[in-house]
Amino acid sequence: MRHSTAHVMAAAICRLFPNVKLDIGPATDNGFYYDFDLPHRLSPEDFKAIEKAMASIIFHKLPFERIVMSRADAEDLFRKSGQIYKVERLADIPDGSEITVYKCGDFVDLCRGPHVVNTGDIKAFKLISVAGSYYRGVETNPMLQRVYGIVAESKEEIEQKVKQIEEAKERDHRKLGKELDLYSIEEDVGPGLVHWHPKAGRIRCVIEEFWRKRHFDAGYEIVFTPHIGRAQLWQTSGHLDFYKENMYSPMDIEGSDYFVKPMNCPFHIQIYKSQMRSYRDLPLRWAELGTVYRYEKSGVLHGLLRVRGFTQDDAHIFCTPQQIEDEVRRTVNFALGILRAFGFKDISAYLSTKPEKAVGESARWEQAIQSLESALKAENIAYQVEAGGGAFYGPKIDLKVKDCIGREWQLGTIQFDFNLPDRFELCYIGEDGKEHKPYMVHRALLGSLERFFGILIEHYGGAFPFWLAPEQVRILPITENQLDYSEKVAQSLKAVGLRVFIDRKSEKIGAKIRRAQTEKTPCMLIIGQKEMETGTVSLRNRVEGDKGAVTLDVLIPMLQKDNVAGI
């Protein structure tokens, strides 16, 4: 229904605006979009007319007719109608593949489907926005106009989705990142390269310290690896054959080509291979906050959520076949604990199984899939099976969380790899004294720190929980006379590890409070002459407002209790 509505919108725009050129119109998680090249600059003011034309098409219950065409006939069709982008997209279809178009009324589109039976099957819809989008996501290509819409089973559901969209706009991490001075992406440095400002730097340090402690407690070791590696390393791993277009150009160092790393895996493998391993050494759990660089087309870059340089919370587990089930269960349990600590309670999983083309022994695939499914059942977590959806080198679990307004985000991944152990000839010495191949599991919990931070900003609307807030306590002296006492209070709070700031501006206390509220500081301590004389502070909470006078002996344990992950 979503994809069919994209066709209906394209048909409506073709009726309303002459000389429009069409690119693509796929379904999205909640709706659809379509990319257009037309002289008229579309705006939300055009939506009413477009929606009216769409409603007419839906009312007439026009059938979607699937037509198989030869490549020559399809090319002739789109050339004659002036659809140059369709001709180019047609060239992307491999030789020998079936070419289909879908006809709906007088509208014909290059499409593999599927669609609803007729336009009358489309229920409720609404156009929501228009944005620029480079053709194929390449900034040197023409700028197209991308119109977004949503689809639902009823008008009431549409209203709920519109409400969610409006809420998402207010929580947009790009908007809040600027308002709260958290991060920037500077044009002089380059697109997709993130600068963490001091406040975000504080949050990142808290996340990393929490992450490292949890990993050490769970039996992981932390490793650090180089940012570049010789071409032969990436040749062995297969990246130069299958991933080179996403890697940055090589640099020549003393006659050898080096590439900036897009992934950490080959380096962890090199650590494994640095000595002979025994079954007694396994399992090995190695984790790294490793910064990697991948070329993403500028058209798909999106704030912190899609960048070119990012830090993965990467880990690799090497173990024996006898250990794999327990290791997978431990990993799933560990991942769930980490995500819940950051405030994500609604977590689901997607189990991707063996595709048609795959490497590795069938018995290993079966054991791997069984261990993944057993772990999900043991943790009593809801999951869906995506049959054949695994990578060619192994099955996986994707963990997805819902944020506070119901949007789903993929974060954790637990991925088997039957490819790299073969390519790098990994082995361990078993109890029988012979060489055996270890299981290798890739594992990320947060995905990348940049993307995870963007999700956190939107989940909390910039109002981070106390333990994550960059500034936990702001002290607000009413006059300069209270500055010395404010400093003593600050030192007492800092001594127990709290992040404290004194507002020394010569302003009225009301202005200071409003600024602290705007900057989403969780705790404010107002200090006037009375508080100084009684050795107290006037406590104000970001959510609950004024909480009254309190001594430090009472305040400090209260704040320490809140300064814990998951609170």
Protein backbone atom coordinates (compact mmCIF):
# COMPACT_ATOMS: atom_id res chain seq x y z
CA MET A 1 0.00 0.00 0.00
CA ARG A 2 2.87 2.39 0.79
CA HIS A 3 4.63 1.78 -2.52
CA SER A 4 1.35 1.93 -4.44
CA THR A 5 0.61 5.32 -2.87
CA ALA A 6 3.97 6.57 -4.14
CA HIS A 7 2.83 5.66 -7.67
CA VAL A 8 -0.49 7.44 -7.12
CA MET A 9 1.35 10.58 -5.95
CA ALA A 10 3.64 10.47 -9.00
CA ALA A 11 0.60 10.08 -11.28
CA ALA A 12 -1.07 13.06 -9.60
CA ILE A 13 2.01 15.26 -9.97
CA CYS A 14 2.31 14.27 -13.64
CA ARG A 15 -1.28 15.45 -14.14
CA LEU A 16 -0.72 18.76 -12.36
CA PHE A 17 2.75 19.73 -13.57
CA PRO A 18 3.86 19.31 -17.21
CA ASN A 19 7.37 18.20 -18.19
CA VAL A 20 8.00 16.41 -14.91
CA LYS A 21 10.79 13.81 -14.97
CA LEU A 22 10.53 10.88 -12.57
CA ASP A 23 13.28 9.07 -10.71
CA ILE A 24 12.35 6.57 -7.96
CA GLY A 25 9.54 6.20 -5.43
CA PRO A 26 10.15 3.52 -2.80
CA ALA A 27 8.26 2.67 0.36
CA THR A 28 9.73 3.71 3.71
CA ASP A 29 9.08 2.37 7.21
CA ASN A 30 5.98 4.54 7.66
CA GLY A 31 5.14 5.74 4.19
CA PHE A 32 6.85 6.60 0.93
CA TYR A 33 8.68 9.21 -1.08
CA TYR A 34 9.19 10.00 -4.74
CA ASP A 35 11.95 12.02 -6.44
CA PHE A 36 10.97 14.50 -9.15
CA ASP A 37 12.77 16.80 -11.55
CA LEU A 38 10.41 19.61 -12.57
CA PRO A 39 10.69 23.37 -13.16
CA HIS A 40 8.10 24.27 -10.52
CA ARG A 41 9.52 24.53 -7.01
CA LEU A 42 7.22 22.35 -4.92
CA SER A 43 6.22 23.52 -1.45
CA PRO A 44 3.71 22.41 1.23
CA GLU A 45 1.26 24.89 -0.34
CA ASP A 46 1.07 22.51 -3.33
CA PHE A 47 0.12 19.51 -1.18
CA LYS A 48 -3.61 20.26 -1.09
CA ALA A 49 -3.91 20.16 -4.89
CA ILE A 50 -1.71 17.04 -5.13
CA GLU A 51 -3.71 15.25 -2.43
CA LYS A 52 -6.97 16.16 -4.19
CA ALA A 53 -5.67 14.65 -7.44
CA MET A 54 -4.50 11.55 -5.54
CA ALA A 55 -7.94 11.18 -3.91
CA SER A 56 -9.56 11.22 -7.35
CA ILE A 57 -7.25 8.45 -8.60
CA ILE A 58 -8.00 6.39 -5.48
CA PHE A 59 -11.76 7.00 -5.83
CA HIS A 60 -11.81 5.55 -9.36
CA LYS A 61 -10.23 2.27 -8.17
CA LEU A 62 -7.77 2.07 -11.06
CA PRO A 63 -6.10 -1.35 -11.34
CA PHE A 64 -2.33 -1.82 -11.14
CA GLU A 65 -1.36 -3.78 -14.24
CA ARG A 66 1.97 -5.61 -14.31
CA ILE A 67 3.58 -5.71 -17.80
CA VAL A 68 6.74 -7.62 -18.72
CA MET A 69 8.74 -5.84 -21.43
CA SER A 70 11.91 -6.37 -23.39
CA ARG A 71 14.78 -4.07 -22.55
CA ALA A 72 14.52 -2.43 -25.99
CA ASP A 73 10.78 -1.78 -25.67
CA ALA A 74 11.13 -0.38 -22.16
CA GLU A 75 13.95 1.91 -23.23
CA ASP A 76 11.94 3.08 -26.23
CA LEU A 77 8.91 3.75 -24.01
CA PHE A 78 10.79 5.93 -21.54
CA ARG A 79 12.91 7.73 -24.16
CA LYS A 80 9.80 8.75 -26.11
CA SER A 81 8.15 10.07 -22.92
CA GLY A 82 11.27 12.03 -21.98
CA GLN A 83 11.92 10.04 -18.80
CA ILE A 84 15.71 10.20 -18.87
CA TYR A 85 16.18 8.99 -15.30
CA LYS A 86 14.10 5.90 -16.00
CA VAL A 87 16.33 5.13 -18.99
CA GLU A 88 19.40 5.36 -16.75
CA ARG A 89 17.77 3.24 -14.03
CA LEU A 90 16.86 0.69 -16.69
CA ALA A 91 20.56 0.32 -17.48
CA ASP A 92 21.14 -0.71 -13.82
CA ILE A 93 19.05 -3.86 -14.28
CA PRO A 94 21.42 -6.80 -15.00
CA ASP A 95 21.25 -8.48 -18.39
CA GLY A 96 18.93 -11.44 -18.34
CA SER A 97 16.77 -10.05 -15.52
CA GLU A 98 13.06 -9.67 -16.06
CA ILE A 99 12.01 -6.07 -16.77
CA THR A 100 8.57 -5.02 -15.59
CA VAL A 101 6.51 -1.84 -15.68
CA TYR A 102 3.30 -1.13 -13.78
CA LYS A 103 0.43 0.71 -15.46
CA CYS A 104 -2.19 2.53 -13.43
CA GLY A 105 -4.61 4.54 -15.57
CA ASP A 106 -2.44 6.55 -17.94
CA PHE A 107 0.57 6.41 -15.59
CA VAL A 108 3.34 3.91 -16.41
CA ASP A 109 6.40 3.36 -14.20
CA LEU A 110 9.49 1.16 -14.29
CA CYS A 111 8.95 -1.02 -11.23
CA ARG A 112 9.36 -4.56 -9.92
CA GLY A 113 6.36 -4.21 -7.59
CA PRO A 114 4.44 -5.52 -5.84
CA HIS A 115 1.31 -3.36 -5.62
CA VAL A 116 -2.22 -3.50 -4.28
CA VAL A 117 -4.88 -4.79 -6.71
CA ASN A 118 -6.29 -1.33 -7.41
CA THR A 119 -6.02 2.21 -6.08
CA GLY A 120 -9.20 1.74 -4.03
CA ASP A 121 -7.22 -0.51 -1.68
CA ILE A 122 -5.28 2.56 -0.49
CA LYS A 123 -6.76 3.76 2.79
CA ALA A 124 -5.57 6.96 4.47
CA PHE A 125 -2.58 9.03 3.34
CA LYS A 126 -1.03 12.47 3.82
CA LEU A 127 1.86 14.37 2.24
CA ILE A 128 4.17 15.68 4.92
CA SER A 129 7.27 17.34 3.48
CA VAL A 130 9.43 18.14 0.48
CA ALA A 131 13.21 18.27 0.43
CA GLY A 132 16.11 18.42 -2.00
CA SER A 133 17.86 15.21 -2.97
CA TYR A 134 20.76 14.76 -5.35
CA TYR A 135 20.15 12.19 -8.09
CA ARG A 136 21.68 8.90 -6.88
CA GLY A 137 22.91 10.77 -3.77
CA VAL A 138 25.86 12.35 -5.63
CA GLU A 139 26.29 16.09 -5.09
CA THR A 140 27.59 16.67 -8.64
CA ASN A 141 24.33 15.27 -10.06
CA PRO A 142 21.11 17.28 -10.57
CA MET A 143 19.17 18.27 -7.45
CA LEU A 144 15.74 16.61 -7.45
CA GLN A 145 12.70 17.34 -5.30
CA ARG A 146 11.76 14.56 -2.89
CA VAL A 147 8.17 14.55 -1.65
CA TYR A 148 7.44 12.45 1.46
CA GLY A 149 4.11 11.00 2.51
CA ILE A 150 2.66 8.66 5.10
CA VAL A 151 0.07 5.89 4.76
CA ALA A 152 -2.17 4.21 7.31
CA GLU A 153 -5.30 2.11 7.63
CA SER A 154 -7.39 5.03 8.95
CA LYS A 155 -7.50 8.82 9.31
CA GLU A 156 -7.12 8.41 13.07
CA GLU A 157 -3.86 6.52 12.55
CA ILE A 158 -2.68 9.24 10.16
CA GLU A 159 -3.36 11.86 12.85
CA GLN A 160 -1.27 9.85 15.31
CA LYS A 161 1.58 9.63 12.81
CA VAL A 162 1.41 13.37 12.11
CA LYS A 163 1.62 14.01 15.85
CA GLN A 164 4.68 11.75 16.04
CA ILE A 165 6.30 13.57 13.11
CA GLU A 166 5.75 16.96 14.79
CA GLU A 167 7.24 15.59 18.00
CA ALA A 168 10.19 14.21 16.04
CA LYS A 169 10.84 17.66 14.56
CA GLU A 170 11.11 19.12 18.05
CA ARG A 171 13.49 16.32 19.04
CA ASP A 172 15.60 16.45 15.86
CA HIS A 173 19.20 15.98 17.01
CA ARG A 174 20.44 18.47 14.41
CA LYS A 175 18.20 21.20 15.86
CA LEU A 176 18.95 20.34 19.51
CA GLY A 177 22.64 19.78 18.78
CA LYS A 178 22.92 23.41 17.73
CA GLU A 179 20.64 24.83 20.44
CA LEU A 180 22.47 22.97 23.22
CA ASP A 181 25.94 23.47 21.67
CA LEU A 182 26.67 19.74 21.50
CA TYR A 183 28.35 19.15 18.15
CA SER A 184 28.99 20.61 14.71
CA ILE A 185 30.03 19.45 11.24
CA GLU A 186 32.30 22.09 9.75
CA GLU A 187 32.38 22.63 5.99
CA ASP A 188 36.06 23.61 6.09
CA VAL A 189 36.86 20.15 7.47
CA GLY A 190 34.44 18.13 5.37
CA PRO A 191 30.90 16.67 5.27
CA GLY A 192 30.14 13.78 7.60
CA LEU A 193 33.05 14.53 9.97
CA VAL A 194 31.83 15.31 13.47
CA HIS A 195 33.22 17.78 16.00
CA TRP A 196 32.17 16.89 19.56
CA HIS A 197 31.85 20.14 21.55
CA PRO A 198 32.73 20.24 25.28
CA LYS A 199 29.25 19.29 26.55
CA ALA A 200 28.98 16.36 24.13
CA GLY A 201 32.57 15.46 24.99
CA ARG A 202 31.50 15.11 28.62
CA ILE A 203 28.64 12.82 27.65
CA ARG A 204 30.90 10.76 25.42
CA CYS A 205 33.38 10.29 28.28
CA VAL A 206 30.55 9.09 30.54
CA ILE A 207 29.35 6.64 27.86
CA GLU A 208 32.87 5.33 27.22
CA GLU A 209 33.70 4.92 30.91
CA PHE A 210 30.43 3.07 31.49
CA TRP A 211 31.05 0.95 28.36
CA ARG A 212 34.59 -0.02 29.40
CA LYS A 213 33.62 -0.91 32.96
CA ARG A 214 30.74 -3.09 31.80
CA HIS A 215 33.03 -4.85 29.31
CA PHE A 216 35.75 -5.57 31.84
CA ASP A 217 33.08 -6.87 34.26
CA ALA A 218 31.75 -9.15 31.49
CA GLY A 219 35.11 -10.75 30.77
CA TYR A 220 36.16 -8.69 27.76
CA GLU A 221 39.61 -7.26 27.15
CA ILE A 222 40.05 -3.86 25.49
CA VAL A 223 42.32 -3.57 22.45
CA PHE A 224 43.53 -0.65 20.36
CA THR A 225 44.45 -0.95 16.69
CA PRO A 226 45.92 1.31 13.97
CA HIS A 227 43.88 3.63 11.77
CA ILE A 228 45.56 2.51 8.54
CA GLY A 229 46.73 -0.79 7.09
CA ARG A 230 48.59 -2.10 4.05
CA ALA A 231 46.63 -2.91 0.92
CA GLN A 232 47.51 -6.60 1.26
CA LEU A 233 45.59 -6.77 4.55
CA TRP A 234 42.44 -5.46 2.85
CA GLN A 235 43.05 -7.76 -0.11
CA THR A 236 43.13 -10.79 2.18
CA SER A 237 40.00 -9.66 4.02
CA GLY A 238 38.17 -9.14 0.72
CA HIS A 239 37.46 -5.45 1.28
CA LEU A 240 39.38 -4.37 -1.82
CA ASP A 241 37.29 -6.73 -3.93
CA PHE A 242 33.87 -6.01 -2.45
CA TYR A 243 34.05 -2.75 -0.49
CA LYS A 244 36.64 -0.56 -2.19
CA GLU A 245 34.13 2.08 -3.35
CA ASN A 246 33.42 2.83 0.33
CA MET A 247 37.12 3.10 1.27
CA TYR A 248 39.17 6.25 1.04
CA SER A 249 41.88 6.47 -1.59
CA PRO A 250 45.17 4.77 -0.74
CA MET A 251 48.26 6.65 0.38
CA ASP A 252 51.70 5.64 -0.79
CA ILE A 253 54.07 5.05 2.12
CA GLU A 254 57.57 3.88 1.18
CA GLY A 255 56.28 2.23 -1.96
CA SER A 256 53.33 0.43 -0.34
CA ASP A 257 49.65 1.40 -0.57
CA TYR A 258 47.89 1.96 2.75
CA PHE A 259 44.14 2.41 3.28
CA VAL A 260 42.33 4.12 6.14
CA LYS A 261 40.37 1.40 7.90
CA PRO A 262 36.63 1.09 7.25
CA MET A 263 36.39 -1.74 9.82
CA ASN A 264 38.29 -3.09 12.81
CA CYS A 265 37.88 -6.82 12.12
CA PRO A 266 41.15 -7.53 10.23
CA PHE A 267 43.18 -5.89 12.99
CA HIS A 268 41.60 -8.01 15.72
CA ILE A 269 42.33 -11.05 13.57
CA GLN A 270 45.97 -10.01 13.36
CA ILE A 271 46.13 -9.91 17.16
CA TYR A 272 44.67 -13.43 17.23
CA LYS A 273 47.26 -14.61 14.72
CA SER A 274 50.16 -13.03 16.61
CA GLN A 275 50.61 -16.34 18.47
CA MET A 276 49.35 -19.90 18.35
CA ARG A 277 46.11 -20.32 20.31
CA SER A 278 45.05 -23.35 22.32
CA TYR A 279 41.52 -24.44 23.16
CA ARG A 280 42.54 -23.56 26.73
CA ASP A 281 42.90 -19.89 25.67
CA LEU A 282 39.36 -19.69 24.33
CA PRO A 283 36.98 -17.95 24.44
CA LEU A 284 38.68 -14.65 23.64
CA ARG A 285 36.49 -11.55 23.88
CA TRP A 286 38.15 -8.43 22.50
CA ALA A 287 36.44 -5.05 22.34
CA GLU A 288 37.50 -1.72 20.88
CA LEU A 289 36.13 1.78 20.50
CA GLY A 290 37.72 2.00 17.08
CA THR A 291 37.35 5.01 14.81
CA VAL A 292 36.75 4.06 11.17
CA TYR A 293 36.15 5.99 7.96
CA ARG A 294 33.77 5.07 5.17
CA TYR A 295 32.89 7.04 2.08
CA GLU A 296 29.20 7.82 2.07
CA LYS A 297 27.67 9.85 -0.75
CA SER A 298 26.93 13.38 0.38
CA GLY A 299 23.25 12.97 -0.49
CA VAL A 300 22.75 10.35 2.22
CA LEU A 301 24.66 12.11 5.02
CA HIS A 302 22.33 13.03 7.88
CA GLY A 303 23.60 14.81 10.98
CA LEU A 304 25.04 12.27 13.41
CA LEU A 305 22.97 9.41 12.03
CA ARG A 306 24.89 8.98 8.76
CA VAL A 307 28.49 10.19 8.77
CA ARG A 308 31.85 9.41 7.18
CA GLY A 309 34.00 9.13 10.28
CA PHE A 310 32.68 7.34 13.35
CA THR A 311 33.70 5.26 16.35
CA GLN A 312 32.31 1.73 16.49
CA ASP A 313 31.82 -0.05 19.78
CA ASP A 314 33.21 -3.13 18.16
CA ALA A 315 33.99 -6.54 19.62
CA HIS A 316 35.00 -9.95 18.33
CA ILE A 317 34.60 -13.27 20.06
CA PHE A 318 36.75 -16.27 19.15
CA CYS A 319 35.64 -19.58 20.63
CA THR A 320 35.30 -23.32 20.10
CA PRO A 321 32.16 -25.03 18.75
CA GLN A 322 31.46 -26.31 22.26
CA GLN A 323 31.47 -22.76 23.66
CA ILE A 324 29.43 -20.99 21.01
CA GLU A 325 25.93 -21.44 22.46
CA ASP A 326 26.94 -20.13 25.86
CA GLU A 327 28.87 -17.23 24.28
CA VAL A 328 25.92 -16.16 22.16
CA ARG A 329 23.58 -16.27 25.14
CA ARG A 330 26.03 -14.23 27.23
CA THR A 331 26.34 -11.73 24.39
CA VAL A 332 22.58 -11.28 23.96
CA ASN A 333 22.13 -10.87 27.71
CA PHE A 334 25.01 -8.38 27.83
CA ALA A 335 23.62 -6.37 24.90
CA LEU A 336 20.16 -6.16 26.46
CA GLY A 337 21.64 -4.97 29.76
CA ILE A 338 23.62 -2.21 28.07
CA LEU A 339 20.66 -0.93 26.02
CA ARG A 340 18.31 -0.98 29.01
CA ALA A 341 20.81 0.98 31.07
CA PHE A 342 20.51 3.83 28.56
CA GLY A 343 16.74 3.90 29.00
CA PHE A 344 15.60 1.67 26.13
CA LYS A 345 13.06 -0.77 27.54
CA ASP A 346 11.17 -1.81 24.41
CA ILE A 347 13.66 -4.04 22.56
CA SER A 348 12.95 -6.54 19.80
CA ALA A 349 15.16 -8.76 17.66
CA TYR A 350 15.42 -9.85 14.05
CA LEU A 351 17.07 -13.19 13.29
CA SER A 352 18.50 -13.38 9.77
CA THR A 353 19.18 -16.90 8.46
CA LYS A 354 21.17 -18.47 5.63
CA PRO A 355 20.77 -16.93 2.16
CA GLU A 356 20.93 -18.90 -1.09
CA LYS A 357 24.57 -17.97 -1.70
CA ALA A 358 26.68 -18.54 1.38
CA VAL A 359 30.13 -19.65 2.50
CA GLY A 360 30.89 -22.00 5.36
CA GLU A 361 29.91 -25.51 6.32
CA SER A 362 26.20 -26.29 6.60
CA ALA A 363 26.68 -27.80 10.06
CA ARG A 364 28.24 -24.57 11.29
CA TRP A 365 25.37 -22.52 9.88
CA GLU A 366 22.86 -24.79 11.61
CA GLN A 367 24.66 -24.58 14.94
CA ALA A 368 25.05 -20.81 14.65
CA ILE A 369 21.37 -20.22 13.85
CA GLN A 370 20.31 -22.57 16.65
CA SER A 371 22.53 -20.76 19.16
CA LEU A 372 21.13 -17.37 18.14
CA GLU A 373 17.53 -18.53 18.38
CA SER A 374 18.11 -20.33 21.69
CA ALA A 375 19.63 -17.16 23.17
CA LEU A 376 16.61 -15.09 22.14
CA LYS A 377 14.22 -17.62 23.63
CA ALA A 378 16.24 -17.84 26.83
CA GLU A 379 16.10 -14.05 27.23
CA ASN A 380 12.37 -14.07 26.45
CA ILE A 381 12.76 -11.34 23.85
CA ALA A 382 10.30 -10.91 20.98
CA TYR A 383 11.88 -11.69 17.62
CA GLN A 384 11.09 -12.15 13.95
CA VAL A 385 12.86 -14.54 11.61
CA GLU A 386 14.03 -13.04 8.32
CA ALA A 387 14.50 -16.24 6.34
CA GLY A 388 17.45 -16.00 3.97
CA GLY A 389 18.23 -12.48 5.19
CA GLY A 390 21.68 -13.24 6.59
CA ALA A 391 24.92 -12.10 5.02
CA PHE A 392 26.72 -14.60 2.78
CA TYR A 393 29.28 -15.13 5.54
CA GLY A 394 26.97 -15.87 8.48
CA PRO A 395 23.62 -15.48 10.28
CA LYS A 396 22.97 -12.61 12.68
CA ILE A 397 20.70 -11.00 15.24
CA ASP A 398 19.82 -7.32 14.93
CA LEU A 399 18.53 -5.68 18.11
CA LYS A 400 16.12 -2.79 17.64
CA VAL A 401 14.85 -0.36 20.25
CA LYS A 402 11.82 1.90 20.31
CA ASP A 403 12.35 5.45 21.49
CA CYS A 404 9.96 7.43 23.65
CA ILE A 405 7.76 8.43 20.67
CA GLY A 406 7.59 4.93 19.22
CA ARG A 407 10.21 5.07 16.46
CA GLU A 408 12.32 1.96 15.95
CA TRP A 409 16.12 2.18 15.73
CA GLN A 410 18.53 -0.63 15.01
CA LEU A 411 21.43 -0.64 17.46
CA GLY A 412 23.01 -3.95 18.44
CA THR A 413 24.20 -6.64 16.03
CA ILE A 414 25.54 -10.12 16.77
CA GLN A 415 26.97 -11.48 13.52
CA PHE A 416 28.64 -14.83 12.81
CA ASP A 417 31.48 -14.82 10.28
CA PHE A 418 32.49 -17.98 8.43
CA ASN A 419 34.41 -16.02 5.81
CA LEU A 420 37.26 -14.18 7.54
CA PRO A 421 38.50 -17.19 9.56
CA ASP A 422 38.96 -18.99 6.23
CA ARG A 423 40.57 -16.04 4.47
CA PHE A 424 43.06 -15.50 7.30
CA GLU A 425 43.47 -19.22 8.04
CA LEU A 426 42.61 -18.93 11.73
CA CYS A 427 43.07 -21.97 13.90
CA TYR A 428 43.55 -23.18 17.46
CA ILE A 429 45.04 -26.38 18.83
CA GLY A 430 42.34 -28.66 20.21
CA GLU A 431 42.45 -31.27 22.96
CA ASP A 432 43.44 -33.79 20.30
CA GLY A 433 46.57 -31.77 19.45
CA LYS A 434 45.25 -30.98 15.99
CA GLU A 435 44.42 -27.66 14.37
CA HIS A 436 40.76 -26.60 14.41
CA LYS A 437 38.93 -23.56 13.08
CA PRO A 438 37.45 -21.23 15.71
CA TYR A 439 34.05 -19.64 15.56
CA MET A 440 34.25 -15.87 15.05
CA VAL A 441 31.44 -13.52 16.07
CA HIS A 442 31.30 -9.78 15.32
CA ARG A 443 29.40 -7.81 17.93
CA ALA A 444 28.36 -4.16 18.23
CA LEU A 445 26.03 -2.90 20.95
CA LEU A 446 25.61 0.81 20.29
CA GLY A 447 26.53 0.70 16.59
CA SER A 448 28.63 3.83 16.56
CA LEU A 449 29.04 6.49 19.23
CA GLU A 450 28.02 9.23 16.79
CA ARG A 451 24.78 7.62 15.68
CA PHE A 452 23.99 6.40 19.18
CA PHE A 453 24.47 9.91 20.55
CA GLY A 454 22.10 11.28 17.90
CA ILE A 455 19.49 8.69 18.92
CA LEU A 456 19.99 9.56 22.61
CA ILE A 457 19.48 13.26 21.89
CA GLU A 458 16.17 12.51 20.14
CA HIS A 459 15.03 9.91 22.68
CA TYR A 460 15.50 12.33 25.58
CA GLY A 461 14.77 15.50 23.63
CA GLY A 462 18.13 16.83 24.84
CA ALA A 463 17.03 16.49 28.49
CA PHE A 464 19.47 13.72 29.39
CA PRO A 465 18.99 11.69 32.57
CA PHE A 466 21.08 12.85 35.51
CA TRP A 467 23.84 10.25 35.09
CA LEU A 468 24.38 11.23 31.42
CA ALA A 469 23.87 14.99 31.62
CA PRO A 470 27.00 16.95 30.66
CA GLU A 471 26.25 19.42 33.44
CA GLN A 472 24.47 17.73 36.31
CA VAL A 473 24.30 20.62 38.77
CA ARG A 474 24.25 24.35 38.14
CA ILE A 475 24.83 26.63 41.12
CA LEU A 476 23.01 29.95 40.87
CA PRO A 477 24.27 32.59 43.35
CA ILE A 478 21.80 35.47 43.70
CA THR A 479 24.55 38.07 44.12
CA GLU A 480 28.33 38.20 44.04
CA ASN A 481 28.33 37.97 47.85
CA GLN A 482 27.52 34.27 47.57
CA LEU A 483 30.30 33.37 45.11
CA ASP A 484 32.79 32.13 47.74
CA TYR A 485 30.14 29.93 49.39
CA SER A 486 29.03 28.71 45.94
CA GLU A 487 32.62 27.68 45.21
CA LYS A 488 32.79 25.65 48.45
CA VAL A 489 29.51 23.90 47.55
CA ALA A 490 30.84 23.16 44.07
CA GLN A 491 34.04 21.65 45.43
CA SER A 492 32.08 19.38 47.78
CA LEU A 493 29.97 18.11 44.87
CA LYS A 494 32.94 17.70 42.53
CA ALA A 495 34.75 15.70 45.22
CA VAL A 496 32.12 12.94 44.86
CA GLY A 497 32.36 12.94 41.05
CA LEU A 498 29.48 15.24 40.10
CA ARG A 499 29.67 17.59 37.14
CA VAL A 500 29.06 21.12 38.46
CA PHE A 501 29.00 24.62 36.97
CA ILE A 502 28.63 28.01 38.71
CA ASP A 503 26.67 30.71 36.86
CA ARG A 504 28.73 33.80 37.66
CA LYS A 505 26.84 36.17 35.36
CA SER A 506 25.61 39.46 36.87
CA GLU A 507 21.95 38.80 36.14
CA LYS A 508 18.75 38.49 38.10
CA ILE A 509 18.10 35.03 39.49
CA GLY A 510 15.00 34.59 37.29
CA ALA A 511 17.11 34.94 34.14
CA LYS A 512 19.64 32.42 35.45
CA ILE A 513 16.90 29.90 36.21
CA ARG A 514 15.33 30.32 32.77
CA ARG A 515 18.69 29.79 31.07
CA ALA A 516 19.38 26.65 33.11
CA GLN A 517 15.92 25.33 32.21
CA THR A 518 16.44 26.11 28.50
CA GLU A 519 19.80 24.35 28.58
CA LYS A 520 18.06 21.36 30.26
CA THR A 521 20.24 21.26 33.38
CA PRO A 522 18.71 18.59 35.65
CA CYS A 523 19.55 20.14 39.02
CA MET A 524 19.82 23.80 40.10
CA LEU A 525 21.05 25.04 43.46
CA ILE A 526 20.00 28.61 44.30
CA ILE A 527 22.15 30.32 46.88
CA GLY A 528 21.23 33.59 48.56
CA GLN A 529 22.15 35.24 51.83
CA LYS A 530 19.81 32.98 53.81
CA GLU A 531 21.29 29.77 52.36
CA MET A 532 24.81 31.01 53.02
CA GLU A 533 24.00 31.81 56.65
CA THR A 534 22.25 28.46 57.29
CA GLY A 535 24.73 26.31 55.36
CA THR A 536 22.07 25.07 52.95
CA VAL A 537 21.12 25.38 49.27
CA SER A 538 17.71 25.87 47.68
CA LEU A 539 17.17 22.85 45.43
CA ARG A 540 15.35 23.18 42.12
CA ASN A 541 14.61 20.22 39.84
CA ARG A 542 14.35 20.55 36.04
CA VAL A 543 11.00 18.73 36.00
CA GLU A 544 9.45 19.28 39.45
CA GLY A 545 10.58 22.85 40.10
CA ASP A 546 11.34 24.19 43.58
CA LYS A 547 12.13 21.48 46.17
CA GLY A 548 13.06 23.73 49.11
CA ALA A 549 16.16 24.17 51.25
CA VAL A 550 18.45 21.21 51.88
CA THR A 551 21.83 20.64 53.52
CA LEU A 552 24.75 19.13 51.62
CA ASP A 553 24.69 16.09 53.94
CA VAL A 554 21.22 15.30 52.57
CA LEU A 555 21.79 16.54 49.01
CA ILE A 556 24.98 14.64 48.17
CA PRO A 557 23.66 11.09 48.85
CA MET A 558 20.48 12.02 46.95
CA LEU A 559 22.46 13.08 43.88
CA GLN A 560 24.84 10.12 44.11
CA LYS A 561 21.85 7.79 44.05
CA ASP A 562 20.64 9.43 40.82
CA ASN A 563 24.13 9.28 39.30
CA VAL A 564 23.76 5.63 38.25
CA ALA A 565 23.13 4.20 34.77
CA GLY A 566 19.54 3.27 34.14
CA ILE A 567 18.09 5.73 36.67
